[in-house]
PDB file of N, CA and C in Angstrom:
ATOM      1  N   MET A   1      62.600  83.238 117.314  1.00  0.00           N
ATOM      2  CA  MET A   1      62.828  84.890 117.231  1.00  0.00           C
ATOM      3  C   MET A   1      61.538  85.556 117.211  1.00  0.00           C
ATOM      4  N   ALA A   2      60.552  84.935 116.416  1.00  0.00           N
ATOM      5  CA  ALA A   2      59.385  85.902 116.490  1.00  0.00           C
ATOM      6  C   ALA A   2      58.359  86.176 117.740  1.00  0.00           C
ATOM      7  N   ASP A   3      58.726  85.220 118.908  1.00  0.00           N
ATOM      8  CA  ASP A   3      58.043  85.243 120.094  1.00  0.00           C
ATOM      9  C   ASP A   3      58.789  86.165 121.265  1.00  0.00           C
ATOM     10  N   LEU A   4      59.960  86.741 120.572  1.00  0.00           N
ATOM     11  CA  LEU A   4      60.826  87.502 121.687  1.00  0.00           C
ATOM     12  C   LEU A   4      60.290  88.726 122.032  1.00  0.00           C
ATOM     13  N   PRO A   5      60.608  89.276 123.318  1.00  0.00           N
ATOM     14  CA  PRO A   5      60.290  90.820 123.514  1.00  0.00           C
ATOM     15  C   PRO A   5      61.228  91.566 122.371  1.00  0.00           C
ATOM     16  N   THR A   6      60.445  92.755 122.027  1.00  0.00           N
ATOM     17  CA  THR A   6      61.010  93.633 121.149  1.00  0.00           C
ATOM     18  C   THR A   6      62.430  93.826 121.230  1.00  0.00           C
ATOM     19  N   ALA A   7      62.801  94.335 122.471  1.00  0.00           N
ATOM     20  CA  ALA A   7      64.251  94.521 122.809  1.00  0.00           C
ATOM     21  C   ALA A   7      65.361  93.583 122.574  1.00  0.00           C
ATOM     22  N   VAL A   8      64.815  92.179 122.680  1.00  0.00           N
ATOM     23  CA  VAL A   8      65.708  91.195 122.576  1.00  0.00           C
ATOM     24  C   VAL A   8      65.571  90.723 120.973  1.00  0.00           C
ATOM     25  N   PHE A   9      64.516  90.995 120.432  1.00  0.00           N
ATOM     26  CA  PHE A   9      64.503  90.600 118.838  1.00  0.00           C
ATOM     27  C   PHE A   9      65.476  91.583 117.953  1.00  0.00           C
ATOM     28  N   VAL A  10      65.243  92.851 118.375  1.00  0.00           N
ATOM     29  CA  VAL A  10      66.157  93.982 117.850  1.00  0.00           C
ATOM     30  C   VAL A  10      67.734  93.548 118.056  1.00  0.00           C
ATOM     31  N   GLU A  11      67.952  93.138 119.259  1.00  0.00           N
ATOM     32  CA  GLU A  11      69.426  92.869 119.599  1.00  0.00           C
ATOM     33  C   GLU A  11      69.883  91.674 118.630  1.00  0.00           C
ATOM     34  N   ARG A  12      68.911  90.645 118.855  1.00  0.00           N
ATOM     35  CA  ARG A  12      69.544  89.318 118.060  1.00  0.00           C
ATOM     36  C   ARG A  12      69.327  89.748 116.571  1.00  0.00           C
ATOM     37  N   TRP A  13      68.524  90.515 116.122  1.00  0.00           N
ATOM     38  CA  TRP A  13      68.548  90.918 114.531  1.00  0.00           C
ATOM     39  C   TRP A  13      69.886  91.574 114.298  1.00  0.00           C
ATOM     40  N   ARG A  14      70.197  92.416 115.022  1.00  0.00           N
ATOM     41  CA  ARG A  14      71.508  93.282 114.707  1.00  0.00           C
ATOM     42  C   ARG A  14      72.913  92.274 114.698  1.00  0.00           C
ATOM     43  N   LEU A  15      72.601  91.251 115.737  1.00  0.00           N
ATOM     44  CA  LEU A  15      73.927  90.378 115.600  1.00  0.00           C
ATOM     45  C   LEU A  15      73.782  89.531 114.269  1.00  0.00           C
ATOM     46  N   ILE A  16      72.419  89.161 113.771  1.00  0.00           N
ATOM     47  CA  ILE A  16      72.637  88.397 112.262  1.00  0.00           C
ATOM     48  C   ILE A  16      72.861  89.456 111.298  1.00  0.00           C
ATOM     49  N   THR A  17      72.325  90.614 111.155  1.00  0.00           N
ATOM     50  CA  THR A  17      72.538  91.385 110.142  1.00  0.00           C
ATOM     51  C   THR A  17      73.752  92.458 110.271  1.00  0.00           C
ATOM     52  N   GLY A  18      74.118  92.752 111.482  1.00  0.00           N
ATOM     53  CA  GLY A  18      75.054  93.853 111.533  1.00  0.00           C
ATOM     54  C   GLY A  18      74.535  95.104 111.798  1.00  0.00           C
ATOM     55  N   GLU A  19      73.314  95.453 111.767  1.00  0.00           N
ATOM     56  CA  GLU A  19      72.644  96.586 112.019  1.00  0.00           C
ATOM     57  C   GLU A  19      71.285  96.315 112.441  1.00  0.00           C
ATOM     58  N   PRO A  20      70.479  97.424 113.044  1.00  0.00           N
ATOM     59  CA  PRO A  20      69.068  97.134 113.736  1.00  0.00           C
ATOM     60  C   PRO A  20      68.142  97.217 112.381  1.00  0.00           C
ATOM     61  N   PRO A  21      66.897  96.570 112.671  1.00  0.00           N
ATOM     62  CA  PRO A  21      66.008  96.580 111.415  1.00  0.00           C
ATOM     63  C   PRO A  21      65.420  98.176 111.309  1.00  0.00           C
ATOM     64  N   ALA A  22      65.337  98.173 110.034  1.00  0.00           N
ATOM     65  CA  ALA A  22      64.950  99.632 109.666  1.00  0.00           C
ATOM     66  C   ALA A  22      63.311  99.876 110.164  1.00  0.00           C
ATOM     67  N   ILE A  23      62.572  98.779 109.952  1.00  0.00           N
ATOM     68  CA  ILE A  23      61.280  99.041 110.400  1.00  0.00           C
ATOM     69  C   ILE A  23      61.003  97.748 111.047  1.00  0.00           C
ATOM     70  N   LEU A  24      59.888  97.551 112.101  1.00  0.00           N
ATOM     71  CA  LEU A  24      59.500  96.288 112.750  1.00  0.00           C
ATOM     72  C   LEU A  24      58.204  96.025 112.009  1.00  0.00           C
ATOM     73  N   LEU A  25      57.972  94.996 111.463  1.00  0.00           N
ATOM     74  CA  LEU A  25      56.811  94.553 110.701  1.00  0.00           C
ATOM     75  C   LEU A  25      55.972  93.679 111.948  1.00  0.00           C
ATOM     76  N   ASN A  26      54.704  93.564 111.658  1.00  0.00           N
ATOM     77  CA  ASN A  26      54.237  92.768 112.497  1.00  0.00           C
ATOM     78  C   ASN A  26      53.478  91.967 111.740  1.00  0.00           C
ATOM     79  N   PRO A  27      53.220  90.501 111.843  1.00  0.00           N
ATOM     80  CA  PRO A  27      54.035  90.019 112.730  1.00  0.00           C
ATOM     81  C   PRO A  27      55.651  89.578 112.157  1.00  0.00           C
ATOM     82  N   ARG A  28      56.386  89.538 113.406  1.00  0.00           N
ATOM     83  CA  ARG A  28      57.861  89.372 113.273  1.00  0.00           C
ATOM     84  C   ARG A  28      58.259  88.310 112.246  1.00  0.00           C
ATOM     85  N   SER A  29      57.226  87.154 112.049  1.00  0.00           N
ATOM     86  CA  SER A  29      57.616  86.368 111.184  1.00  0.00           C
ATOM     87  C   SER A  29      57.700  86.695 109.646  1.00  0.00           C
ATOM     88  N   ALA A  30      57.229  87.902 109.472  1.00  0.00           N
ATOM     89  CA  ALA A  30      57.339  88.573 107.970  1.00  0.00           C
ATOM     90  C   ALA A  30      58.649  89.221 107.842  1.00  0.00           C
ATOM     91  N   MET A  31      59.175  89.740 109.278  1.00  0.00           N
ATOM     92  CA  MET A  31      60.666  89.975 108.912  1.00  0.00           C
ATOM     93  C   MET A  31      61.452  88.936 108.825  1.00  0.00           C
ATOM     94  N   LEU A  32      61.331  87.941 109.351  1.00  0.00           N
ATOM     95  CA  LEU A  32      62.188  86.599 109.245  1.00  0.00           C
ATOM     96  C   LEU A  32      62.091  86.039 107.909  1.00  0.00           C
ATOM     97  N   ALA A  33      61.167  86.165 107.358  1.00  0.00           N
ATOM     98  CA  ALA A  33      60.749  85.383 105.773  1.00  0.00           C
ATOM     99  C   ALA A  33      61.560  86.276 104.931  1.00  0.00           C
ATOM    100  N   LEU A  34      61.512  87.832 105.111  1.00  0.00           N
ATOM    101  CA  LEU A  34      62.264  88.768 104.412  1.00  0.00           C
ATOM    102  C   LEU A  34      63.658  88.470 104.465  1.00  0.00           C
ATOM    103  N   LEU A  35      64.294  88.377 105.716  1.00  0.00           N
ATOM    104  CA  LEU A  35      65.587  88.282 105.800  1.00  0.00           C
ATOM    105  C   LEU A  35      66.059  86.727 105.167  1.00  0.00           C
ATOM    106  N   VAL A  36      65.286  85.942 105.060  1.00  0.00           N
ATOM    107  CA  VAL A  36      65.626  84.519 104.675  1.00  0.00           C
ATOM    108  C   VAL A  36      65.606  84.694 103.122  1.00  0.00           C
ATOM    109  N   ALA A  37      64.513  85.554 102.540  1.00  0.00           N
ATOM    110  CA  ALA A  37      64.382  85.577 101.099  1.00  0.00           C
ATOM    111  C   ALA A  37      65.720  86.404 100.593  1.00  0.00           C
ATOM    112  N   SER A  38      66.247  87.425 101.365  1.00  0.00           N
ATOM    113  CA  SER A  38      67.149  88.167 100.883  1.00  0.00           C
ATOM    114  C   SER A  38      68.574  87.621 101.218  1.00  0.00           C
ATOM    115  N   THR A  39      68.649  86.409 101.662  1.00  0.00           N
ATOM    116  CA  THR A  39      70.007  85.923 101.911  1.00  0.00           C
ATOM    117  C   THR A  39      70.451  85.113 100.786  1.00  0.00           C
ATOM    118  N   PRO A  40      71.659  85.208 100.217  1.00  0.00           N
ATOM    119  CA  PRO A  40      71.942  84.424  98.962  1.00  0.00           C
ATOM    120  C   PRO A  40      72.133  82.922  99.498  1.00  0.00           C
ATOM    121  N   VAL A  41      71.848  81.820  98.539  1.00  0.00           N
ATOM    122  CA  VAL A  41      72.083  80.628  98.782  1.00  0.00           C
ATOM    123  C   VAL A  41      73.561  80.369  98.739  1.00  0.00           C
ATOM    124  N   ALA A  42      73.628  79.393  99.704  1.00  0.00           N
ATOM    125  CA  ALA A  42      75.170  79.177  99.891  1.00  0.00           C
ATOM    126  C   ALA A  42      75.475  78.162  98.738  1.00  0.00           C
ATOM    127  N   PRO A  43      76.713  77.958  98.133  1.00  0.00           N
ATOM    128  CA  PRO A  43      76.867  76.945  97.148  1.00  0.00           C
ATOM    129  C   PRO A  43      76.827  75.409  97.704  1.00  0.00           C
ATOM    130  N   LEU A  44      76.441  74.685  96.832  1.00  0.00           N
ATOM    131  CA  LEU A  44      76.452  73.150  97.385  1.00  0.00           C
ATOM    132  C   LEU A  44      77.800  72.580  97.507  1.00  0.00           C
ATOM    133  N   GLU A  45      78.680  73.111  96.300  1.00  0.00           N
ATOM    134  CA  GLU A  45      80.075  72.373  96.318  1.00  0.00           C
ATOM    135  C   GLU A  45      80.877  73.746  96.717  1.00  0.00           C
ATOM    136  N   PRO A  46      82.003  73.252  97.446  1.00  0.00           N
ATOM    137  CA  PRO A  46      83.160  74.522  97.440  1.00  0.00           C
ATOM    138  C   PRO A  46      84.040  74.401  96.160  1.00  0.00           C
ATOM    139  N   PRO A  47      84.269  76.106  96.128  1.00  0.00           N
ATOM    140  CA  PRO A  47      85.035  75.977  95.088  1.00  0.00           C
ATOM    141  C   PRO A  47      86.165  75.171  94.847  1.00  0.00           C
ATOM    142  N   VAL A  48      86.778  74.940  93.609  1.00  0.00           N
ATOM    143  CA  VAL A  48      88.081  74.373  93.538  1.00  0.00           C
ATOM    144  C   VAL A  48      89.155  75.065  93.773  1.00  0.00           C
ATOM    145  N   PRO A  49      90.172  74.597  94.375  1.00  0.00           N
ATOM    146  CA  PRO A  49      91.228  75.577  94.871  1.00  0.00           C
ATOM    147  C   PRO A  49      92.128  75.432  93.527  1.00  0.00           C
ATOM    148  N   ALA A  50      92.998  76.448  93.185  1.00  0.00           N
ATOM    149  CA  ALA A  50      94.257  76.147  92.081  1.00  0.00           C
ATOM    150  C   ALA A  50      95.291  75.735  92.698  1.00  0.00           C
ATOM    151  N   TRP A  51      95.907  74.823  92.361  1.00  0.00           N
ATOM    152  CA  TRP A  51      97.062  74.199  93.112  1.00  0.00           C
ATOM    153  C   TRP A  51      98.323  74.903  92.456  1.00  0.00           C
ATOM    154  N   ASP A  52      99.249  75.189  93.061  1.00  0.00           N
ATOM    155  CA  ASP A  52     100.398  75.812  92.848  1.00  0.00           C
ATOM    156  C   ASP A  52     101.872  74.842  93.062  1.00  0.00           C
ATOM    157  N   ASP A  53     102.256  74.448  91.983  1.00  0.00           N
ATOM    158  CA  ASP A  53     103.368  73.745  92.272  1.00  0.00           C
ATOM    159  C   ASP A  53     104.877  74.627  92.258  1.00  0.00           C
ATOM    160  N   GLY A  54     104.702  75.840  92.493  1.00  0.00           N
ATOM    161  CA  GLY A  54     105.844  76.891  92.672  1.00  0.00           C
ATOM    162  C   GLY A  54     106.239  77.622  91.838  1.00  0.00           C
ATOM    163  N   GLY A  55     106.036  76.970  90.374  1.00  0.00           N
ATOM    164  CA  GLY A  55     106.293  77.881  89.439  1.00  0.00           C
ATOM    165  C   GLY A  55     105.378  79.139  89.137  1.00  0.00           C
ATOM    166  N   ARG A  56     106.133  80.064  88.659  1.00  0.00           N
ATOM    167  CA  ARG A  56     105.336  81.462  88.202  1.00  0.00           C
ATOM    168  C   ARG A  56     104.150  80.873  87.124  1.00  0.00           C
ATOM    169  N   GLY A  57     102.863  81.292  87.598  1.00  0.00           N
ATOM    170  CA  GLY A  57     101.884  81.202  86.422  1.00  0.00           C
ATOM    171  C   GLY A  57     101.492  79.720  86.192  1.00  0.00           C
ATOM    172  N   SER A  58     101.671  78.650  87.222  1.00  0.00           N
ATOM    173  CA  SER A  58     101.404  77.327  86.839  1.00  0.00           C
ATOM    174  C   SER A  58     100.525  76.899  87.655  1.00  0.00           C
ATOM    175  N   GLY A  59      99.563  77.822  88.344  1.00  0.00           N
ATOM    176  CA  GLY A  59      98.433  77.076  88.974  1.00  0.00           C
ATOM    177  C   GLY A  59      97.382  76.374  88.003  1.00  0.00           C
ATOM    178  N   THR A  60      96.980  75.345  88.418  1.00  0.00           N
ATOM    179  CA  THR A  60      96.166  74.424  87.385  1.00  0.00           C
ATOM    180  C   THR A  60      95.150  74.057  88.282  1.00  0.00           C
ATOM    181  N   PRO A  61      93.863  74.127  87.877  1.00  0.00           N
ATOM    182  CA  PRO A  61      92.557  73.562  88.636  1.00  0.00           C
ATOM    183  C   PRO A  61      92.741  72.165  88.786  1.00  0.00           C
ATOM    184  N   ARG A  62      92.268  71.618  89.788  1.00  0.00           N
ATOM    185  CA  ARG A  62      92.117  70.261  90.187  1.00  0.00           C
ATOM    186  C   ARG A  62      91.447  69.623  89.049  1.00  0.00           C
TER     187      ARG A  62
END
């Protein structure tokens, strides 16, 4: 993304973040590093669902 024309970079940034960039840093790789640094880390393991056997308040973790 760092080598794209400005208009394309802004369009793709908007697709990723949902909004246009507030400023354009030069080099754009600094913007990408900032985006990666501000993105929360995905959990390594999915959360354990609570199983419900149909009774009220009977949900028990796996």
